[in-house]
């Protein structure tokens, strides 16, 4: 099972020192997969898969390849796998000999399914990328054990004509009508299904013939039409790569805008519509849709729940969108506000959302360990510990225990951990840092988070759907007032940790009179998310 993060372009083409910093950070956080997508987006020399100095997209950018090689090697060295998306944002040029290239959206849009020239270009570049020898690992990517799976394309489909019929230029629309006229019994969505099935089958067969051994997925998309879903099970495809976004209902109060309050028609229903239960299912990209805002203030509450969903529903990967070039210092501010070259205000940037990445170690603990066989039947059963009517989640595994959501003035005795909090909203969770369960481990990571929002952040409307001011650093984090009891014998010391998980200060714990264990009291005066408890 994978817990991963995608890279927002052009983050896959970092300088070597930044690649090492990123790989270290992800490894320490429990991330074991990085999704490489949108490599073909044109961002200039050294920052795009294709050479942006040419009038075609037939040659790779050699400097960008060197950087990509180093990143893959840096991740592999730390035990982190990669998943590769082959085509998504490629902008075809004059010398590619594609009809009306200037009218095509990124990746070619729907035309990429029916244009034989685009088909050839896509297969040629896929073969070249997968077969070239990495200068750092001395292995072609298709033979590298670090490659987890390959996805043929992202959000490139004829089914996009449902929402944007004008994305198919006139010459291609004429060709599509001609294809429909050949068989009066196959038209509309059924025709699109047949054409996409044929497209992915041909490409998967060619790559398999080239000895690509990893699972292959077709189109990674947020779409859910029944005919589109059938194309994902085309012959030669053996993995479903989904894009799962949570869009809060319009009637949801801004004060409770969290997945914890979602109804039965939430992410579980969306994922079930896409799945084919004879093959693996990966959520290759997920995040809440924040309507252009940097993130949601209560978003910490969603992190443990999505991990519980992944385990309960037997998802094979959960990949968060996404790490960007900025902010360079994780958690310094929302993307686009930290100064210097950080000018792009992009929503849901993980390294600009401390309430997301701070909970990765606990998500990893939930996903990787402490659960039995995944549930294969009765998928309508509830997620363990989730009370959607009260916006609450209680996590209880041998290795992770905690609360997430609205627990004001509540005390929860979970197992070896007891948690009391006075905050209306908070996430307080503890995980064993060692292979032993919480009741036996000698090191325990405790994380406590409330609301987080940039300084000076302002909404333009009462429903909080339009941003008036994106704010500036530093983040304002709500103080968490809580008491965490660990029932564990022995002499126990506690340390406050910094943003990178390093010990910065020893803190006092209360030995419980007449019983084994200690109490860690949090009063909100320390601007920290993490504490570590250690049995001497």
Foldseek 3Di string as FASTA:
>chain_A
DFEAAEADFLVLQDDLVLLLVVLVLCLVLLGAEYEYPPQQADPAASGHQAHPVDQFRQHGRVNSLLSNLSNCVSNVVSNHAYEYEQAEFHQGGDVLPDPPSVLAGGRRAAVCLPTVSSLVSSLNSVCVQQQDQRPVPRGRNLPDPRYAEYEHYENHFPVCCVVPVPNQDPVSVVVLVVVCVVDVVQDDLSVRLVSLLVSQQVSLVVVVVVVRDHAYFYYAYQDQDLSVLVSRPRPNHAEHEYAFEWEFDLPDALVQPEPLQDDPCTRLVSQVSNDDVVHAYADQEYAYDQLLAQHRQQHLLHQQVVLLVCQQVVHPYYYYYHAYPPPSQQQFARQCFADDPRHDRDHRHRSRPLSHSVCSNVSSDSNPDQDDDHDPDPSVDDRPQRDSVQSKGFDDGQFKTWIFFQQAQHWDDRDQKIKGWHDRGKTWMKGAPDPGGLQDGFKMKIFIFGTKAAAPWDAPDNRRNHTPDNHHDDIDTDFIWMKMKGQYAADKWKFFAASSRHGDGTDDWAADPPGGITMDTGDRPDPGGIMMMGGD
